[in-house]
Amino acid sequence: MNSLLLTGGRVIDPVNRFDAFADLLIVEGKIAALGSDAEKQAPAESERLDTKGLIVCPGLIDLHVHLREPGQTAKETIATGTAAAARGGFTSVVCMPNTSPAVDNAGTVALIRERADRSGVVNVFITGAITKGLAGEELAPIGSLKRAGVVAITDDGHCVQNNELMRRALEYARMFNLPVMDHCQDYSLVSDGVAHEGYWSAALGLHGWPAAGEEMIVARNIQLAELTGAHLHCQHLSAAGSVRLIREALKRGVPVSGEACPHHFVLTDAAIAGSEKFWGSDGKGVFDCRNRESNRPAWLAYDTNLKMNPPLRSARDREAIIEGIVDGTLEVLGSDHAPHCDYEKEVEFDYAPFGITGLETEFAFSLMQLCHTKLLGLSDLIAKFTVAPARLLRLAKGTLSIGADADVTVFDPDREWAFEKAQTASKSFNSPFYGWQLKGKATATIVAGKIVWKE
């Protein structure tokens, strides 16, 4: 009998409102006992993991990850991407469909599932495309994708501009009980923008990417969700107006939701100019962005590792994102892990692809910016990485209830460490955070009762 006993840790399970020092027993890949009964029920041959001084919680879920396989394996593979997820404390990832070919048919879904089963070390859930080839012109076979096992549909990396087509997608998705996730970008407003339209884009001579380019589609999506009754999730929100629109829609009972990414609530567009420090949301805690070894700024102006879509925005937008996370308007956090080859990023800012990696740092930044500043409790933060994405995507995950899948994350919220290139498991290195001092780290990641990574 395969069994694992975690002893002495502080167990936090937001679903069951459990927060206490307790032992946790896993048997045959399922949660078998929690509390005083765990030690008594543990088989004599059980493997033991000492979690004294650590937090034990349901396995973290990242609902926004680009694994790049099939077709873009020079950037990332399912093996390397899931290894990075395990290092970051994530037991489940949800991969986006903008691969080559796109995930717009059952055959590609089957291919990814087979490769994930063979080489993935964490659970891999798959999203299907809204439109064929992500071209925004013709609906993908949503029913076929659902039968193949996708958990949602999205054209992430692209945005459906045709409002009528998006309405039909929502109607079909509702028939098949699938949530729709949308990358909110109005192409006519954004045009060739590469940085937030504001002071720094003007000062640096970069094409502006206005916040209205996101907010316009968020408003459109709210209207369509209200019209069709289908659930629409707005991905990686970055603008203050987007948070306000979602907050107002939720008060009316519209079936919408939003997510935030750590880079949008840690950095601002000033980083592109080479700024060295960013203040915490309480105005006291500071993130020092200087490299430990050289004592020089972690980046120079026009660093393409700071180019993402949507872009880093103003300090006002960042504060609005943090406020939306804290008050529950933005109920889910995700990385938008988007690996690229070095040579792709080593070009002029205008020509570099959008995106940064994030699986290994997102939880630490969330702890630093939200919990260590006392804006959010540990249980509330854990919920945004567990029960919230599980509920949105209807996954049987995110809980330590007896009989549930034994996906467990063990972490030290106070562990100080430096994020270094030599330690990353990802195949790509397009992160702006190398050399940063972080606080909070996963120490063990358990999937179906098996320790897949341990520090």
Protein backbone atom coordinates (compact mmCIF):
# COMPACT_ATOMS: atom_id res chain seq x y z
CA MET A 1 0.00 0.00 0.00
CA ASN A 2 1.39 3.41 -1.01
CA SER A 3 1.00 5.84 1.86
CA LEU A 4 2.51 9.14 2.96
CA LEU A 5 2.14 10.83 6.35
CA LEU A 6 2.79 14.58 6.66
CA THR A 7 3.46 15.46 10.29
CA GLY A 8 3.56 18.63 12.36
CA GLY A 9 2.53 21.20 9.75
CA ARG A 10 -0.05 23.95 9.82
CA VAL A 11 -2.79 22.66 7.51
CA ILE A 12 -4.90 25.26 5.71
CA ASP A 13 -7.85 24.12 3.59
CA PRO A 14 -10.05 27.08 2.54
CA VAL A 15 -12.86 24.84 1.24
CA ASN A 16 -13.42 23.26 4.64
CA ARG A 17 -12.36 26.37 6.59
CA PHE A 18 -9.72 24.28 8.29
CA ASP A 19 -6.66 26.02 9.74
CA ALA A 20 -4.81 24.14 12.47
CA PHE A 21 -1.65 22.22 13.23
CA ALA A 22 -2.42 18.67 12.17
CA ASP A 23 -1.08 15.52 10.53
CA LEU A 24 -2.26 14.55 7.04
CA LEU A 25 -2.40 10.96 5.80
CA ILE A 26 -2.41 10.03 2.13
CA VAL A 27 -3.19 6.48 1.04
CA GLU A 28 -3.21 5.26 -2.57
CA GLY A 29 -3.25 8.77 -3.97
CA LYS A 30 -6.21 9.99 -1.89
CA ILE A 31 -6.61 12.03 1.30
CA ALA A 32 -7.26 9.38 3.96
CA ALA A 33 -7.21 11.21 7.29
CA LEU A 34 -6.57 14.64 8.76
CA GLY A 35 -5.84 15.44 12.38
CA SER A 36 -5.50 13.07 15.32
CA ASP A 37 -6.72 10.07 13.31
CA ALA A 38 -3.94 10.40 10.71
CA GLU A 39 -1.18 8.91 12.89
CA LYS A 40 -3.45 6.12 14.13
CA GLN A 41 -4.55 5.09 10.64
CA ALA A 42 -1.13 5.31 9.02
CA PRO A 43 0.21 1.94 7.84
CA ALA A 44 3.46 0.92 9.51
CA GLU A 45 5.39 1.18 6.24
CA SER A 46 4.17 4.75 5.48
CA GLU A 47 6.66 7.21 4.10
CA ARG A 48 6.91 10.24 6.37
CA LEU A 49 7.44 13.90 5.59
CA ASP A 50 8.21 16.29 8.44
CA THR A 51 6.33 19.56 7.81
CA LYS A 52 6.94 21.20 11.18
CA GLY A 53 7.18 24.97 10.74
CA LEU A 54 5.65 24.75 7.26
CA ILE A 55 2.22 25.29 5.68
CA VAL A 56 0.38 22.34 4.16
CA CYS A 57 -2.43 23.21 1.74
CA PRO A 58 -4.34 21.84 -1.25
CA GLY A 59 -2.21 21.62 -4.38
CA LEU A 60 -1.90 24.98 -6.12
CA ILE A 61 -3.52 25.39 -9.55
CA ASP A 62 -2.29 27.75 -12.26
CA LEU A 63 -5.10 28.27 -14.74
CA HIS A 64 -3.02 30.23 -17.28
CA VAL A 65 0.11 28.52 -18.60
CA HIS A 66 1.71 28.23 -22.03
CA LEU A 67 3.47 24.86 -22.32
CA ARG A 68 4.28 25.46 -26.03
CA GLU A 69 3.89 21.79 -26.97
CA PRO A 70 3.18 20.78 -29.72
CA GLY A 71 5.13 22.77 -32.26
CA GLN A 72 7.13 25.24 -30.15
CA THR A 73 9.32 22.92 -28.09
CA ALA A 74 12.40 25.12 -28.47
CA LYS A 75 10.67 27.41 -25.96
CA GLU A 76 9.19 24.89 -23.54
CA THR A 77 7.97 21.31 -23.39
CA ILE A 78 5.37 19.63 -21.24
CA ALA A 79 8.23 17.99 -19.32
CA THR A 80 10.12 21.22 -18.58
CA GLY A 81 6.99 23.32 -18.04
CA THR A 82 5.50 20.92 -15.52
CA ALA A 83 8.87 20.59 -13.78
CA ALA A 84 8.91 24.37 -13.37
CA ALA A 85 5.35 24.20 -12.05
CA ALA A 86 6.35 21.60 -9.46
CA ARG A 87 9.26 23.80 -8.29
CA GLY A 88 6.79 26.66 -7.88
CA GLY A 89 4.47 24.51 -5.75
CA PHE A 90 1.85 23.88 -8.44
CA THR A 91 0.22 20.47 -8.72
CA SER A 92 -2.02 21.39 -11.66
CA VAL A 93 -1.61 23.65 -14.68
CA VAL A 94 -4.11 24.64 -17.36
CA CYS A 95 -2.41 24.97 -20.75
CA MET A 96 -3.45 27.48 -23.40
CA PRO A 97 -4.33 26.49 -26.99
CA ASN A 98 -1.99 28.79 -28.94
CA THR A 99 0.35 25.98 -29.94
CA SER A 100 1.36 24.86 -33.45
CA PRO A 101 -1.07 23.55 -34.51
CA ALA A 102 -3.63 25.28 -32.32
CA VAL A 103 -5.78 23.17 -30.01
CA ASP A 104 -8.88 23.48 -32.20
CA ASN A 105 -9.65 19.79 -32.73
CA ALA A 106 -9.94 16.59 -30.73
CA GLY A 107 -6.78 15.11 -32.24
CA THR A 108 -4.53 17.82 -30.82
CA VAL A 109 -6.21 17.47 -27.42
CA ALA A 110 -5.47 13.73 -27.49
CA LEU A 111 -1.84 14.40 -28.46
CA ILE A 112 -1.29 16.78 -25.52
CA ARG A 113 -2.99 14.38 -23.09
CA GLU A 114 -0.78 11.51 -24.24
CA ARG A 115 2.41 13.56 -23.88
CA ALA A 116 1.32 14.93 -20.51
CA ASP A 117 0.65 11.41 -19.24
CA ARG A 118 4.07 10.33 -20.45
CA SER A 119 6.32 13.23 -19.45
CA GLY A 120 4.38 15.61 -17.21
CA VAL A 121 5.06 15.59 -13.47
CA VAL A 122 1.93 17.54 -12.49
CA ASN A 123 -1.69 17.44 -13.68
CA VAL A 124 -2.17 19.06 -17.08
CA PHE A 125 -5.62 20.34 -18.00
CA ILE A 126 -6.23 21.53 -21.54
CA THR A 127 -8.16 24.44 -23.00
CA GLY A 128 -9.52 24.39 -26.53
CA ALA A 129 -9.70 27.23 -29.02
CA ILE A 130 -12.78 29.37 -29.51
CA THR A 131 -12.11 29.72 -33.23
CA LYS A 132 -10.35 27.58 -35.82
CA GLY A 133 -6.66 28.36 -35.95
CA LEU A 134 -7.27 31.15 -33.39
CA ALA A 135 -8.08 33.27 -36.43
CA GLY A 136 -11.28 34.75 -35.02
CA GLU A 137 -13.28 33.94 -38.15
CA GLU A 138 -15.01 30.58 -37.66
CA LEU A 139 -16.01 28.73 -34.51
CA ALA A 140 -13.98 25.68 -33.54
CA PRO A 141 -15.97 22.43 -32.95
CA ILE A 142 -16.80 23.21 -29.33
CA GLY A 143 -18.82 20.04 -28.70
CA SER A 144 -16.03 17.86 -30.08
CA LEU A 145 -13.47 19.65 -27.93
CA LYS A 146 -15.63 19.15 -24.86
CA ARG A 147 -15.90 15.41 -25.56
CA ALA A 148 -12.12 15.30 -26.01
CA GLY A 149 -11.71 16.63 -22.48
CA VAL A 150 -11.00 20.38 -22.58
CA VAL A 151 -11.93 22.28 -19.42
CA ALA A 152 -12.58 25.66 -21.10
CA ILE A 153 -12.28 27.45 -24.42
CA THR A 154 -10.17 30.50 -25.17
CA ASP A 155 -8.26 32.11 -28.01
CA ASP A 156 -5.63 33.30 -25.53
CA GLY A 157 -2.86 35.16 -27.28
CA HIS A 158 -5.60 36.40 -29.58
CA CYS A 159 -8.96 38.05 -29.00
CA VAL A 160 -12.15 37.46 -30.96
CA GLN A 161 -12.98 40.86 -32.45
CA ASN A 162 -16.29 39.87 -34.06
CA ASN A 163 -18.98 40.46 -31.42
CA GLU A 164 -21.54 38.25 -33.15
CA LEU A 165 -19.06 35.36 -33.32
CA MET A 166 -18.23 35.80 -29.64
CA ARG A 167 -21.92 35.74 -28.77
CA ARG A 168 -22.38 32.44 -30.61
CA ALA A 169 -19.31 31.01 -28.89
CA LEU A 170 -20.83 31.83 -25.51
CA GLU A 171 -24.15 30.28 -26.47
CA TYR A 172 -22.51 27.06 -27.60
CA ALA A 173 -20.22 26.98 -24.58
CA ARG A 174 -23.21 27.27 -22.27
CA MET A 175 -24.85 24.30 -24.01
CA PHE A 176 -21.76 22.22 -23.23
CA ASN A 177 -21.25 23.64 -19.72
CA LEU A 178 -17.86 25.09 -20.62
CA PRO A 179 -16.50 28.37 -19.28
CA VAL A 180 -15.10 30.81 -21.83
CA MET A 181 -11.84 32.63 -21.08
CA ASP A 182 -10.90 35.71 -23.06
CA HIS A 183 -7.73 37.67 -23.74
CA CYS A 184 -9.20 41.18 -23.70
CA GLN A 185 -7.65 43.31 -26.45
CA ASP A 186 -9.34 45.62 -28.94
CA TYR A 187 -7.00 45.52 -31.93
CA SER A 188 -8.25 48.77 -33.42
CA LEU A 189 -7.37 50.66 -30.22
CA VAL A 190 -4.17 48.84 -29.38
CA SER A 191 -2.83 48.80 -32.95
CA ASP A 192 0.97 48.38 -32.79
CA GLY A 193 1.31 49.33 -29.13
CA VAL A 194 4.10 47.68 -27.15
CA ALA A 195 4.02 49.54 -23.80
CA HIS A 196 1.35 51.16 -21.63
CA GLU A 197 0.22 54.43 -23.19
CA GLY A 198 1.32 57.07 -20.71
CA TYR A 199 4.29 59.04 -19.49
CA TRP A 200 6.90 56.33 -19.95
CA SER A 201 5.83 55.24 -23.43
CA ALA A 202 6.14 58.87 -24.51
CA ALA A 203 9.46 59.40 -22.72
CA LEU A 204 10.94 56.20 -24.17
CA GLY A 205 9.53 56.67 -27.65
CA LEU A 206 7.52 53.44 -27.60
CA HIS A 207 4.16 52.87 -29.29
CA GLY A 208 1.41 53.18 -26.68
CA TRP A 209 -0.93 50.32 -25.67
CA PRO A 210 -3.89 52.20 -24.09
CA ALA A 211 -5.75 50.79 -21.09
CA ALA A 212 -8.95 51.42 -23.05
CA GLY A 213 -7.85 48.68 -25.45
CA GLU A 214 -8.45 46.19 -22.63
CA GLU A 215 -11.39 47.89 -20.98
CA MET A 216 -13.40 48.03 -24.21
CA ILE A 217 -13.38 44.24 -24.57
CA VAL A 218 -14.06 43.71 -20.86
CA ALA A 219 -17.19 45.87 -21.25
CA ARG A 220 -18.17 43.90 -24.37
CA ASN A 221 -17.70 40.61 -22.57
CA ILE A 222 -19.83 41.70 -19.64
CA GLN A 223 -22.65 42.62 -22.01
CA LEU A 224 -22.44 39.26 -23.80
CA ALA A 225 -22.26 37.27 -20.57
CA GLU A 226 -25.35 39.08 -19.33
CA LEU A 227 -27.12 38.42 -22.62
CA THR A 228 -26.28 34.72 -22.94
CA GLY A 229 -25.97 33.63 -19.32
CA ALA A 230 -22.67 31.90 -20.09
CA HIS A 231 -19.74 32.32 -17.73
CA LEU A 232 -17.00 34.51 -19.18
CA HIS A 233 -13.62 34.79 -17.50
CA CYS A 234 -11.43 37.79 -18.36
CA GLN A 235 -7.79 36.80 -18.37
CA HIS A 236 -4.72 38.68 -17.01
CA LEU A 237 -6.45 41.98 -16.28
CA SER A 238 -4.12 44.96 -15.93
CA ALA A 239 -6.18 48.17 -16.01
CA ALA A 240 -8.05 50.03 -13.26
CA GLY A 241 -11.09 50.44 -15.52
CA SER A 242 -11.28 46.67 -16.07
CA VAL A 243 -11.42 46.05 -12.32
CA ARG A 244 -14.15 48.66 -11.92
CA LEU A 245 -16.23 47.12 -14.72
CA ILE A 246 -15.93 43.59 -13.29
CA ARG A 247 -16.79 44.82 -9.79
CA GLU A 248 -19.95 46.56 -11.02
CA ALA A 249 -20.98 43.54 -13.11
CA LEU A 250 -20.59 41.15 -10.18
CA LYS A 251 -22.88 43.35 -8.09
CA ARG A 252 -25.56 42.87 -10.78
CA GLY A 253 -25.05 39.11 -10.76
CA VAL A 254 -23.47 38.88 -14.22
CA PRO A 255 -21.61 35.54 -14.66
CA VAL A 256 -18.14 37.02 -15.17
CA SER A 257 -14.83 36.70 -13.36
CA GLY A 258 -11.32 38.07 -13.64
CA GLU A 259 -7.75 37.06 -12.94
CA ALA A 260 -4.55 38.91 -12.13
CA CYS A 261 -0.90 38.07 -12.70
CA PRO A 262 1.91 38.88 -10.25
CA HIS A 263 3.89 41.00 -12.71
CA HIS A 264 0.92 43.37 -12.94
CA PHE A 265 0.65 43.86 -9.18
CA VAL A 266 4.41 44.01 -8.53
CA LEU A 267 5.81 46.11 -11.39
CA THR A 268 4.78 49.26 -13.23
CA ASP A 269 5.68 50.64 -16.64
CA ALA A 270 8.49 52.61 -14.96
CA ALA A 271 10.47 49.36 -14.95
CA ILE A 272 10.95 49.67 -18.72
CA ALA A 273 12.93 52.85 -18.06
CA GLY A 274 15.30 50.92 -15.76
CA SER A 275 13.88 51.89 -12.36
CA GLU A 276 15.53 50.01 -9.50
CA LYS A 277 12.91 49.87 -6.76
CA PHE A 278 9.16 49.34 -6.44
CA TRP A 279 7.24 50.06 -3.29
CA GLY A 280 4.93 47.52 -1.71
CA SER A 281 1.24 48.29 -1.69
CA ASP A 282 1.43 49.51 1.92
CA GLY A 283 3.95 52.18 0.95
CA LYS A 284 6.52 50.67 3.33
CA GLY A 285 7.80 47.32 2.09
CA VAL A 286 10.15 47.76 -0.83
CA PHE A 287 11.19 45.28 -3.50
CA ASP A 288 14.86 45.88 -4.27
CA CYS A 289 15.49 45.10 -7.89
CA ARG A 290 19.28 45.25 -7.78
CA ASN A 291 21.23 42.14 -8.70
CA ARG A 292 22.87 40.60 -5.62
CA GLU A 293 26.24 39.88 -7.20
CA SER A 294 26.86 43.01 -9.26
CA ASN A 295 24.79 45.43 -7.14
CA ARG A 296 23.61 46.89 -10.42
CA PRO A 297 20.00 47.32 -11.52
CA ALA A 298 18.39 43.99 -12.38
CA TRP A 299 17.58 45.38 -15.81
CA LEU A 300 18.42 48.24 -18.09
CA ALA A 301 16.01 50.46 -19.99
CA TYR A 302 14.18 48.72 -22.84
CA ASP A 303 14.69 45.25 -21.33
CA THR A 304 12.50 43.03 -23.50
CA ASN A 305 11.91 40.67 -20.58
CA LEU A 306 9.59 43.42 -19.34
CA LYS A 307 7.47 43.26 -22.47
CA MET A 308 4.20 41.41 -21.94
CA ASN A 309 0.61 41.55 -23.16
CA PRO A 310 -1.21 43.26 -21.56
CA PRO A 311 1.71 45.55 -20.70
CA LEU A 312 2.95 46.74 -17.33
CA ARG A 313 0.78 49.71 -16.46
CA SER A 314 0.82 52.77 -14.24
CA ALA A 315 1.08 52.83 -10.44
CA ARG A 316 -2.64 53.72 -10.31
CA ASP A 317 -3.52 50.64 -12.33
CA ARG A 318 -1.33 48.44 -10.14
CA GLU A 319 -3.04 49.71 -7.00
CA ALA A 320 -6.45 49.03 -8.55
CA ILE A 321 -5.41 45.45 -9.37
CA ILE A 322 -4.28 44.92 -5.77
CA GLU A 323 -7.53 46.41 -4.48
CA GLY A 324 -9.51 44.11 -6.78
CA ILE A 325 -7.63 41.06 -5.49
CA VAL A 326 -8.14 42.02 -1.87
CA ASP A 327 -11.87 42.79 -2.14
CA GLY A 328 -12.56 39.62 -4.17
CA THR A 329 -13.34 41.26 -7.51
CA LEU A 330 -10.41 39.34 -9.00
CA GLU A 331 -10.86 35.91 -7.49
CA VAL A 332 -8.13 34.00 -9.34
CA LEU A 333 -4.37 34.46 -9.68
CA GLY A 334 -2.32 32.99 -12.52
CA SER A 335 1.14 33.35 -14.02
CA ASP A 336 0.51 33.67 -17.77
CA HIS A 337 3.78 31.69 -18.00
CA ALA A 338 4.91 32.50 -21.55
CA PRO A 339 8.39 31.14 -22.37
CA HIS A 340 10.40 32.38 -25.37
CA CYS A 341 13.85 31.57 -26.75
CA ASP A 342 16.69 33.93 -25.87
CA TYR A 343 17.26 34.93 -29.49
CA GLU A 344 13.62 35.97 -29.83
CA LYS A 345 13.93 38.42 -26.94
CA GLU A 346 17.41 39.68 -27.90
CA VAL A 347 16.06 42.21 -30.39
CA GLU A 348 14.72 45.77 -30.29
CA PHE A 349 11.80 46.27 -27.90
CA ASP A 350 9.34 46.82 -30.76
CA TYR A 351 10.13 43.45 -32.34
CA ALA A 352 10.43 41.20 -29.29
CA PRO A 353 7.54 38.81 -28.55
CA PHE A 354 5.25 39.52 -25.61
CA GLY A 355 5.54 37.38 -22.50
CA ILE A 356 7.59 36.30 -19.49
CA THR A 357 7.97 33.09 -17.50
CA GLY A 358 6.39 32.97 -14.06
CA LEU A 359 5.62 29.51 -12.68
CA GLU A 360 8.54 29.48 -10.24
CA THR A 361 8.10 32.99 -8.84
CA GLU A 362 4.37 33.78 -8.84
CA PHE A 363 3.56 32.28 -5.45
CA ALA A 364 6.46 34.05 -3.75
CA PHE A 365 5.46 37.41 -5.23
CA SER A 366 1.86 36.83 -4.18
CA LEU A 367 2.96 36.12 -0.63
CA MET A 368 5.24 39.17 -0.58
CA GLN A 369 2.84 41.68 -2.07
CA LEU A 370 -0.41 40.43 -0.54
CA CYS A 371 0.26 38.47 2.66
CA HIS A 372 3.46 39.92 4.09
CA THR A 373 1.94 43.38 3.65
CA LYS A 374 -1.09 42.11 5.64
CA LEU A 375 -3.53 42.92 2.86
CA LEU A 376 -4.71 39.32 2.56
CA GLY A 377 -4.71 36.37 4.94
CA LEU A 378 -2.93 33.14 4.05
CA SER A 379 -6.18 31.23 3.68
CA ASP A 380 -7.60 33.87 1.32
CA LEU A 381 -4.48 33.79 -0.83
CA ILE A 382 -4.43 29.99 -0.97
CA ALA A 383 -8.09 30.05 -2.05
CA LYS A 384 -7.18 32.15 -5.10
CA PHE A 385 -4.76 29.42 -6.20
CA THR A 386 -6.93 26.42 -5.28
CA VAL A 387 -10.68 26.47 -4.77
CA ALA A 388 -11.28 29.51 -7.01
CA PRO A 389 -9.72 28.10 -10.21
CA ALA A 390 -11.12 24.64 -9.42
CA ARG A 391 -14.63 26.07 -9.11
CA LEU A 392 -14.29 28.16 -12.25
CA LEU A 393 -13.13 25.22 -14.38
CA ARG A 394 -15.22 22.60 -12.56
CA LEU A 395 -12.16 20.58 -11.53
CA ALA A 396 -12.29 18.00 -8.73
CA LYS A 397 -9.26 19.66 -7.15
CA GLY A 398 -8.38 22.33 -4.61
CA THR A 399 -9.38 20.61 -1.36
CA LEU A 400 -8.03 18.32 1.35
CA SER A 401 -11.40 16.71 2.01
CA ILE A 402 -11.32 13.01 2.88
CA GLY A 403 -11.37 11.00 -0.34
CA ALA A 404 -10.14 13.87 -2.50
CA ASP A 405 -7.17 13.54 -4.84
CA ALA A 406 -3.99 13.86 -2.79
CA ASP A 407 -2.56 16.92 -4.51
CA VAL A 408 -0.75 18.85 -1.79
CA THR A 409 1.61 21.83 -1.62
CA VAL A 410 3.98 22.35 1.29
CA PHE A 411 5.57 25.78 1.63
CA ASP A 412 7.45 28.08 3.97
CA PRO A 413 5.91 31.58 3.79
CA ASP A 414 8.97 33.15 5.43
CA ARG A 415 11.74 31.39 3.52
CA GLU A 416 14.08 33.95 1.94
CA TRP A 417 15.75 32.96 -1.30
CA ALA A 418 17.11 34.36 -4.54
CA PHE A 419 15.71 33.41 -7.93
CA GLU A 420 18.68 32.35 -10.07
CA LYS A 421 18.95 31.19 -13.67
CA ALA A 422 20.94 28.12 -12.74
CA GLN A 423 18.08 26.82 -10.62
CA THR A 424 15.17 27.20 -13.02
CA ALA A 425 13.53 24.11 -14.49
CA SER A 426 11.99 25.98 -17.41
CA LYS A 427 13.57 25.68 -20.84
CA SER A 428 13.43 29.45 -21.33
CA PHE A 429 14.92 32.32 -19.33
CA ASN A 430 12.78 35.30 -20.29
CA SER A 431 12.10 36.43 -16.74
CA PRO A 432 12.94 39.92 -15.45
CA PHE A 433 13.27 38.60 -11.89
CA TYR A 434 16.63 36.80 -11.88
CA GLY A 435 18.71 37.95 -8.93
CA TRP A 436 15.69 39.16 -6.94
CA GLN A 437 15.44 38.42 -3.24
CA LEU A 438 12.11 36.70 -2.58
CA LYS A 439 10.28 35.64 0.56
CA GLY A 440 8.11 32.53 0.57
CA LYS A 441 8.88 29.26 -1.17
CA ALA A 442 7.38 25.86 -1.90
CA THR A 443 9.39 23.09 -0.23
CA ALA A 444 7.50 20.03 -1.50
CA THR A 445 4.96 19.33 -4.22
CA ILE A 446 2.81 16.21 -4.01
CA VAL A 447 0.67 14.93 -6.90
CA ALA A 448 -1.68 11.96 -6.40
CA GLY A 449 0.19 11.09 -3.22
CA LYS A 450 3.63 11.10 -4.86
CA ILE A 451 6.31 13.64 -4.02
CA VAL A 452 7.21 15.02 -7.46
CA TRP A 453 9.56 17.72 -6.14
CA LYS A 454 11.15 18.39 -2.79
CA GLU A 455 13.76 20.98 -1.90
